[in-house]
C-alpha atoms as a PDB file:
ATOM      1  CA  MET A   1       0.007  -0.043   0.011  1.00  0.00           C
ATOM      2  CA  ILE A   2       1.202   3.471  -0.927  1.00  0.00           C
ATOM      3  CA  ASP A   3       0.159   6.376   1.343  1.00  0.00           C
ATOM      4  CA  LEU A   4       0.138   9.465  -0.750  1.00  0.00           C
ATOM      5  CA  TYR A   5       0.306  12.882   1.042  1.00  0.00           C
ATOM      6  CA  TYR A   6      -1.165  15.030  -1.605  1.00  0.00           C
ATOM      7  CA  TRP A   7      -2.961  18.304  -2.624  1.00  0.00           C
ATOM      8  CA  THR A   8      -4.277  19.248  -5.950  1.00  0.00           C
ATOM      9  CA  THR A   9      -1.291  20.845  -7.538  1.00  0.00           C
ATOM     10  CA  PRO A  10       0.631  20.051 -10.717  1.00  0.00           C
ATOM     11  CA  ASN A  11       3.198  18.223  -8.593  1.00  0.00           C
ATOM     12  CA  GLY A  12       0.483  16.277  -6.549  1.00  0.00           C
ATOM     13  CA  HIS A  13      -1.197  15.309  -9.881  1.00  0.00           C
ATOM     14  CA  LYS A  14       2.011  13.656 -11.123  1.00  0.00           C
ATOM     15  CA  ILE A  15       1.793  11.000  -8.668  1.00  0.00           C
ATOM     16  CA  THR A  16      -1.841  10.209  -8.898  1.00  0.00           C
ATOM     17  CA  LEU A  17      -1.368   9.785 -12.691  1.00  0.00           C
ATOM     18  CA  LEU A  18       1.342   7.189 -12.223  1.00  0.00           C
ATOM     19  CA  LEU A  19      -0.555   5.392  -9.367  1.00  0.00           C
ATOM     20  CA  GLU A  20      -3.734   5.153 -11.574  1.00  0.00           C
ATOM     21  CA  GLU A  21      -1.662   3.875 -14.575  1.00  0.00           C
ATOM     22  CA  THR A  22       0.138   1.211 -12.541  1.00  0.00           C
ATOM     23  CA  GLY A  23      -2.732   0.077 -10.497  1.00  0.00           C
ATOM     24  CA  LEU A  24      -0.791   0.147  -7.255  1.00  0.00           C
ATOM     25  CA  PRO A  25      -3.032   0.216  -4.255  1.00  0.00           C
ATOM     26  CA  TYR A  26      -2.903   3.586  -2.563  1.00  0.00           C
ATOM     27  CA  ARG A  27      -4.742   5.955  -0.232  1.00  0.00           C
ATOM     28  CA  ILE A  28      -4.641   9.698  -0.240  1.00  0.00           C
ATOM     29  CA  PHE A  29      -4.018  11.778   2.822  1.00  0.00           C
ATOM     30  CA  PRO A  30      -4.932  15.361   1.791  1.00  0.00           C
ATOM     31  CA  VAL A  31      -2.677  18.096   2.917  1.00  0.00           C
ATOM     32  CA  ASN A  32      -4.359  21.344   2.362  1.00  0.00           C
ATOM     33  CA  ILE A  33      -1.509  23.589   1.758  1.00  0.00           C
ATOM     34  CA  GLY A  34      -3.804  26.774   1.858  1.00  0.00           C
ATOM     35  CA  ARG A  35      -4.504  25.992   5.405  1.00  0.00           C
ATOM     36  CA  GLY A  36      -0.921  25.384   6.449  1.00  0.00           C
ATOM     37  CA  GLU A  37      -1.294  21.656   6.741  1.00  0.00           C
ATOM     38  CA  GLN A  38       2.138  21.106   5.186  1.00  0.00           C
ATOM     39  CA  PHE A  39       3.776  22.503   8.423  1.00  0.00           C
ATOM     40  CA  ASP A  40       2.225  19.846  10.747  1.00  0.00           C
ATOM     41  CA  PRO A  41       5.155  18.207  12.497  1.00  0.00           C
ATOM     42  CA  ALA A  42       3.877  14.630  11.604  1.00  0.00           C
ATOM     43  CA  PHE A  43       4.029  15.720   7.884  1.00  0.00           C
ATOM     44  CA  LEU A  44       7.507  17.328   8.172  1.00  0.00           C
ATOM     45  CA  ARG A  45       8.829  14.014   9.392  1.00  0.00           C
ATOM     46  CA  ILE A  46       7.913  12.631   5.921  1.00  0.00           C
ATOM     47  CA  SER A  47       8.504  15.732   4.022  1.00  0.00           C
ATOM     48  CA  PRO A  48      11.037  18.102   5.543  1.00  0.00           C
ATOM     49  CA  ASN A  49      10.778  20.559   2.793  1.00  0.00           C
ATOM     50  CA  ASN A  50       7.226  21.075   3.826  1.00  0.00           C
ATOM     51  CA  LYS A  51       5.969  20.461   0.299  1.00  0.00           C
ATOM     52  CA  ILE A  52       3.644  17.983  -1.290  1.00  0.00           C
ATOM     53  CA  PRO A  53       3.717  15.284  -2.679  1.00  0.00           C
ATOM     54  CA  ALA A  54       5.209  12.654  -0.338  1.00  0.00           C
ATOM     55  CA  ILE A  55       4.722   9.004   0.092  1.00  0.00           C
ATOM     56  CA  VAL A  56       5.098   6.068   2.541  1.00  0.00           C
ATOM     57  CA  ASP A  57       5.493   2.772   0.873  1.00  0.00           C
ATOM     58  CA  SER A  58       4.477   0.116   3.448  1.00  0.00           C
ATOM     59  CA  GLU A  59       5.727  -2.666   1.368  1.00  0.00           C
ATOM     60  CA  PRO A  60       9.186  -1.622  -0.253  1.00  0.00           C
ATOM     61  CA  THR A  61      10.831  -4.247  -2.443  1.00  0.00           C
ATOM     62  CA  ASP A  62      13.700  -4.865  -0.027  1.00  0.00           C
ATOM     63  CA  GLY A  63      11.231  -6.140   2.548  1.00  0.00           C
ATOM     64  CA  GLY A  64      12.335  -3.858   5.289  1.00  0.00           C
ATOM     65  CA  GLU A  65      10.449  -1.055   7.226  1.00  0.00           C
ATOM     66  CA  PRO A  66       8.218   1.373   5.390  1.00  0.00           C
ATOM     67  CA  LEU A  67       9.925   3.918   3.260  1.00  0.00           C
ATOM     68  CA  SER A  68       9.069   7.538   2.835  1.00  0.00           C
ATOM     69  CA  LEU A  69      10.012   9.735   0.030  1.00  0.00           C
ATOM     70  CA  PHE A  70       9.348  13.359  -0.818  1.00  0.00           C
ATOM     71  CA  GLU A  71       9.925  15.322  -4.007  1.00  0.00           C
ATOM     72  CA  SER A  72       7.854  14.477  -7.053  1.00  0.00           C
ATOM     73  CA  GLY A  73      10.636  13.514  -9.323  1.00  0.00           C
ATOM     74  CA  ALA A  74      12.134  11.157  -6.751  1.00  0.00           C
ATOM     75  CA  ILE A  75       8.709   9.506  -6.147  1.00  0.00           C
ATOM     76  CA  LEU A  76       8.092   8.929  -9.791  1.00  0.00           C
ATOM     77  CA  LEU A  77      11.484   7.314 -10.199  1.00  0.00           C
ATOM     78  CA  TYR A  78      10.874   5.154  -7.211  1.00  0.00           C
ATOM     79  CA  LEU A  79       7.480   4.003  -8.179  1.00  0.00           C
ATOM     80  CA  ALA A  80       8.515   3.288 -11.828  1.00  0.00           C
ATOM     81  CA  GLU A  81      11.319   1.217 -10.613  1.00  0.00           C
ATOM     82  CA  LYS A  82       9.115  -0.526  -8.038  1.00  0.00           C
ATOM     83  CA  THR A  83       6.620  -1.450 -10.747  1.00  0.00           C
ATOM     84  CA  GLY A  84       9.015  -1.963 -13.665  1.00  0.00           C
ATOM     85  CA  ARG A  85       6.702   0.408 -15.706  1.00  0.00           C
ATOM     86  CA  PHE A  86       7.065   3.688 -17.560  1.00  0.00           C
ATOM     87  CA  LEU A  87      10.840   3.817 -17.279  1.00  0.00           C
ATOM     88  CA  PRO A  88      12.727   1.895 -19.883  1.00  0.00           C
ATOM     89  CA  ALA A  89      15.278  -0.627 -18.901  1.00  0.00           C
ATOM     90  CA  ASP A  90      17.761   0.044 -21.783  1.00  0.00           C
ATOM     91  CA  LEU A  91      20.413   2.556 -21.242  1.00  0.00           C
ATOM     92  CA  ARG A  92      19.460   5.031 -23.840  1.00  0.00           C
ATOM     93  CA  GLY A  93      15.757   4.944 -23.323  1.00  0.00           C
ATOM     94  CA  ARG A  94      16.190   5.325 -19.547  1.00  0.00           C
ATOM     95  CA  ALA A  95      18.539   8.249 -19.976  1.00  0.00           C
ATOM     96  CA  ALA A  96      16.103  10.061 -22.231  1.00  0.00           C
ATOM     97  CA  VAL A  97      13.251   9.639 -19.698  1.00  0.00           C
ATOM     98  CA  ILE A  98      15.395  10.878 -16.800  1.00  0.00           C
ATOM     99  CA  GLU A  99      16.895  13.868 -18.584  1.00  0.00           C
ATOM    100  CA  TRP A 100      13.269  15.064 -19.485  1.00  0.00           C
ATOM    101  CA  LEU A 101      12.107  14.403 -16.085  1.00  0.00           C
ATOM    102  CA  VAL A 102      14.842  16.592 -14.638  1.00  0.00           C
ATOM    103  CA  TRP A 103      14.056  19.199 -17.315  1.00  0.00           C
ATOM    104  CA  GLN A 104      10.544  19.473 -15.900  1.00  0.00           C
ATOM    105  CA  VAL A 105      11.671  19.457 -12.339  1.00  0.00           C
ATOM    106  CA  ALA A 106      14.463  21.909 -12.734  1.00  0.00           C
ATOM    107  CA  GLY A 107      13.061  24.190 -15.412  1.00  0.00           C
ATOM    108  CA  LEU A 108       9.505  23.863 -16.753  1.00  0.00           C
ATOM    109  CA  GLY A 109       7.847  23.561 -13.186  1.00  0.00           C
ATOM    110  CA  PRO A 110       9.668  26.426 -11.472  1.00  0.00           C
ATOM    111  CA  MET A 111       9.380  28.740 -14.425  1.00  0.00           C
ATOM    112  CA  LEU A 112       5.634  28.182 -15.027  1.00  0.00           C
ATOM    113  CA  GLY A 113       5.229  28.380 -11.160  1.00  0.00           C
ATOM    114  CA  GLN A 114       6.644  31.835 -11.369  1.00  0.00           C
ATOM    115  CA  ASN A 115       4.352  32.723 -14.280  1.00  0.00           C
ATOM    116  CA  HIS A 116       1.328  31.551 -12.090  1.00  0.00           C
ATOM    117  CA  HIS A 117       2.538  33.607  -9.131  1.00  0.00           C
ATOM    118  CA  PHE A 118       3.100  36.903 -10.809  1.00  0.00           C
ATOM    119  CA  SER A 119       0.137  36.714 -13.227  1.00  0.00           C
ATOM    120  CA  GLN A 120      -2.396  35.164 -10.795  1.00  0.00           C
ATOM    121  CA  TYR A 121      -1.405  35.755  -7.284  1.00  0.00           C
ATOM    122  CA  ALA A 122       0.943  38.751  -6.783  1.00  0.00           C
ATOM    123  CA  PRO A 123      -0.786  41.464  -4.713  1.00  0.00           C
ATOM    124  CA  GLU A 124      -0.012  44.045  -7.471  1.00  0.00           C
ATOM    125  CA  PRO A 125       0.911  43.644 -11.089  1.00  0.00           C
ATOM    126  CA  LEU A 126       4.567  43.677 -11.815  1.00  0.00           C
ATOM    127  CA  PRO A 127       4.807  44.062 -15.587  1.00  0.00           C
ATOM    128  CA  TYR A 128       8.516  43.208 -15.729  1.00  0.00           C
ATOM    129  CA  ALA A 129       7.995  39.907 -13.833  1.00  0.00           C
ATOM    130  CA  ILE A 130       4.913  38.976 -15.796  1.00  0.00           C
ATOM    131  CA  ASP A 131       6.593  39.589 -19.081  1.00  0.00           C
ATOM    132  CA  ARG A 132       9.797  37.797 -18.001  1.00  0.00           C
ATOM    133  CA  TYR A 133       8.047  34.633 -16.986  1.00  0.00           C
ATOM    134  CA  ARG A 134       5.598  34.585 -19.824  1.00  0.00           C
ATOM    135  CA  LYS A 135       8.506  34.834 -22.375  1.00  0.00           C
ATOM    136  CA  GLU A 136      10.318  32.020 -20.438  1.00  0.00           C
ATOM    137  CA  SER A 137       7.156  29.878 -20.481  1.00  0.00           C
ATOM    138  CA  GLU A 138       6.739  30.485 -24.259  1.00  0.00           C
ATOM    139  CA  ARG A 139      10.432  29.447 -24.795  1.00  0.00           C
ATOM    140  CA  LEU A 140       9.842  26.205 -22.746  1.00  0.00           C
ATOM    141  CA  TYR A 141       6.695  25.377 -24.726  1.00  0.00           C
ATOM    142  CA  GLY A 142       8.754  25.655 -27.698  1.00  0.00           C
ATOM    143  CA  VAL A 143      11.453  23.408 -26.469  1.00  0.00           C
ATOM    144  CA  LEU A 144       8.695  20.823 -25.741  1.00  0.00           C
ATOM    145  CA  ASP A 145       6.984  21.300 -29.087  1.00  0.00           C
ATOM    146  CA  ASP A 146      10.264  20.772 -30.866  1.00  0.00           C
ATOM    147  CA  ARG A 147      10.985  17.673 -28.806  1.00  0.00           C
ATOM    148  CA  LEU A 148       7.541  16.210 -29.826  1.00  0.00           C
ATOM    149  CA  GLU A 149       8.063  16.761 -33.470  1.00  0.00           C
ATOM    150  CA  GLY A 150       7.630  13.148 -34.974  1.00  0.00           C
ATOM    151  CA  ARG A 151       7.159  11.647 -31.600  1.00  0.00           C
ATOM    152  CA  ASP A 152       3.891  10.512 -29.850  1.00  0.00           C
ATOM    153  CA  PHE A 153       5.453  11.109 -26.395  1.00  0.00           C
ATOM    154  CA  ILE A 154       8.453  12.770 -24.945  1.00  0.00           C
ATOM    155  CA  ALA A 155      10.838   9.862 -24.803  1.00  0.00           C
ATOM    156  CA  GLY A 156       9.216   7.382 -27.186  1.00  0.00           C
ATOM    157  CA  ASP A 157       6.735   5.402 -25.321  1.00  0.00           C
ATOM    158  CA  TYR A 158       4.518   6.987 -22.582  1.00  0.00           C
ATOM    159  CA  SER A 159       6.626   7.481 -19.442  1.00  0.00           C
ATOM    160  CA  ILE A 160       7.071   9.258 -16.142  1.00  0.00           C
ATOM    161  CA  ALA A 161       8.563  12.085 -18.316  1.00  0.00           C
ATOM    162  CA  ASP A 162       5.154  12.666 -19.793  1.00  0.00           C
ATOM    163  CA  MET A 163       3.411  12.367 -16.324  1.00  0.00           C
ATOM    164  CA  ALA A 164       5.752  15.034 -14.938  1.00  0.00           C
ATOM    165  CA  VAL A 165       5.167  17.496 -17.713  1.00  0.00           C
ATOM    166  CA  TYR A 166       1.455  17.104 -18.440  1.00  0.00           C
ATOM    167  CA  PRO A 167       0.077  18.553 -15.164  1.00  0.00           C
ATOM    168  CA  TRP A 168       2.015  21.687 -15.767  1.00  0.00           C
ATOM    169  CA  ILE A 169       0.556  22.194 -19.263  1.00  0.00           C
ATOM    170  CA  VAL A 170      -3.098  21.567 -17.966  1.00  0.00           C
ATOM    171  CA  PRO A 171      -3.419  25.342 -16.799  1.00  0.00           C
ATOM    172  CA  HIS A 172      -1.941  26.668 -20.166  1.00  0.00           C
ATOM    173  CA  GLU A 173      -4.585  29.390 -20.539  1.00  0.00           C
ATOM    174  CA  LYS A 174      -3.662  30.851 -17.133  1.00  0.00           C
ATOM    175  CA  GLN A 175       0.074  30.807 -18.182  1.00  0.00           C
ATOM    176  CA  GLY A 176      -0.965  33.005 -21.282  1.00  0.00           C
ATOM    177  CA  MET A 177      -0.121  30.136 -23.644  1.00  0.00           C
ATOM    178  CA  ASP A 178      -2.197  29.215 -26.664  1.00  0.00           C
ATOM    179  CA  LEU A 179      -1.745  25.588 -27.657  1.00  0.00           C
ATOM    180  CA  ALA A 180      -2.580  26.395 -31.242  1.00  0.00           C
ATOM    181  CA  GLU A 181       0.857  27.989 -31.466  1.00  0.00           C
ATOM    182  CA  PHE A 182       2.436  24.663 -30.318  1.00  0.00           C
ATOM    183  CA  PRO A 183       0.809  21.967 -32.529  1.00  0.00           C
ATOM    184  CA  ASN A 184       2.891  19.147 -31.384  1.00  0.00           C
ATOM    185  CA  VAL A 185       2.171  19.999 -27.683  1.00  0.00           C
ATOM    186  CA  ARG A 186      -1.450  20.129 -28.430  1.00  0.00           C
ATOM    187  CA  ARG A 187      -1.602  16.751 -30.048  1.00  0.00           C
ATOM    188  CA  TRP A 188       0.362  15.276 -27.178  1.00  0.00           C
ATOM    189  CA  PHE A 189      -1.805  17.007 -24.636  1.00  0.00           C
ATOM    190  CA  GLU A 190      -5.043  15.712 -26.117  1.00  0.00           C
ATOM    191  CA  ALA A 191      -3.771  12.207 -26.274  1.00  0.00           C
ATOM    192  CA  ILE A 192      -2.755  12.147 -22.494  1.00  0.00           C
ATOM    193  CA  ARG A 193      -5.992  14.006 -21.444  1.00  0.00           C
ATOM    194  CA  GLN A 194      -8.076  11.247 -22.747  1.00  0.00           C
ATOM    195  CA  ARG A 195      -6.180   8.434 -21.081  1.00  0.00           C
ATOM    196  CA  PRO A 196      -8.427   6.623 -18.615  1.00  0.00           C
ATOM    197  CA  ALA A 197      -5.875   6.791 -15.800  1.00  0.00           C
ATOM    198  CA  VAL A 198      -5.574  10.586 -16.324  1.00  0.00           C
ATOM    199  CA  VAL A 199      -9.473  11.048 -16.221  1.00  0.00           C
ATOM    200  CA  ARG A 200      -9.486   8.991 -13.008  1.00  0.00           C
ATOM    201  CA  ALA A 201      -6.717  10.894 -11.325  1.00  0.00           C
ATOM    202  CA  TYR A 202      -8.211  14.405 -12.004  1.00  0.00           C
ATOM    203  CA  ALA A 203     -11.616  13.056 -10.805  1.00  0.00           C
ATOM    204  CA  ARG A 204      -9.963  12.152  -7.517  1.00  0.00           C
ATOM    205  CA  ALA A 205      -8.727  15.817  -7.503  1.00  0.00           C
ATOM    206  CA  GLU A 206     -12.140  17.293  -7.793  1.00  0.00           C
ATOM    207  CA  GLU A 207     -13.431  15.133  -4.960  1.00  0.00           C
ATOM    208  CA  ILE A 208     -10.661  16.195  -2.627  1.00  0.00           C
ATOM    209  CA  ASN A 209     -10.380  20.016  -3.238  1.00  0.00           C
ATOM    210  CA  THR A 210     -13.588  21.979  -3.694  1.00  0.00           C
ATOM    211  CA  GLU A 211     -12.060  25.308  -2.976  1.00  0.00           C
ATOM    212  CA  SER A 212     -11.745  27.514  -6.003  1.00  0.00           C
ATOM    213  CA  THR A 213     -10.180  30.623  -4.712  1.00  0.00           C
ATOM    214  CA  VAL A 214      -7.188  31.728  -2.816  1.00  0.00           C
ATOM    215  CA  SER A 215      -7.951  33.901   0.156  1.00  0.00           C
ATOM    216  CA  ALA A 216      -5.808  36.538   1.834  1.00  0.00           C
ATOM    217  CA  ALA A 217      -5.123  34.128   4.754  1.00  0.00           C
ATOM    218  CA  SER A 218      -3.956  31.365   2.428  1.00  0.00           C
ATOM    219  CA  ARG A 219      -1.832  33.740   0.504  1.00  0.00           C
ATOM    220  CA  ALA A 220       0.040  34.546   3.587  1.00  0.00           C
ATOM    221  CA  ILE A 221       0.619  30.861   4.292  1.00  0.00           C
ATOM    222  CA  LEU A 222       1.541  30.070   0.708  1.00  0.00           C
ATOM    223  CA  PHE A 223       3.771  32.851  -0.074  1.00  0.00           C
ATOM    224  CA  GLY A 224       4.751  34.473   3.282  1.00  0.00           C
ATOM    225  CA  GLN A 225       6.918  32.047   4.824  1.00  0.00           C
ATOM    226  CA  GLY A 226      10.564  32.235   5.690  1.00  0.00           C
ATOM    227  CA  ARG A 227      12.488  29.827   7.850  1.00  0.00           C
ATOM    228  CA  ARG A 228      10.312  27.998  10.379  1.00  0.00           C
ATOM    229  CA  ARG A 229      11.847  27.082  13.787  1.00  0.00           C
ATOM    230  CA  GLY A 230      10.613  24.771  16.407  1.00  0.00           C
ATOM    231  CA  SER A 231       8.463  22.458  14.306  1.00  0.00           C
END
């Protein structure tokens, strides 16, 4: 059994996509980041970076004690290796999946996250920041579009690289991106959107999070934290 500590963010969706694809038994423990539940001492013992997602695997393949992991990229790699799925066994295929997974974790996610922040959540519009991150988003969409030229998926077969990237493309309209300008991304996006496991994963999200707005209090929690001591 996989215990998934989760909230309905792109990084959270990555893990439900993989769990639904593999059929691994799992249960969700919601961590409402808008209410500050990510700072609960019990959660911090699993995820010291106070971020979701995190997992606890009660049946690791070494037969030992339950194993906990945080960071979405590490969790995707771990679960892919555990199940032997969505991560090629051959050297070159595996290398391609890992490099594009790291591209998402290190580049696409952080840049689109800044796009979201300055266009959707900043208390006052900052034209320089909005323009800077929109242009970087456009560049990254272009990189992905070029990669998908002549390919169904990012690294050949559907893999954890696609699962890492897809949830960050879902809110493309809020990022100011028009998929008509990126035809390969649009084709890829529609193919993934229709996968039964993806439909199930996003249905779970709608059941868990019915909050549609970010309040002043949740903004302070999400965007106003420095170093926390004594947790």
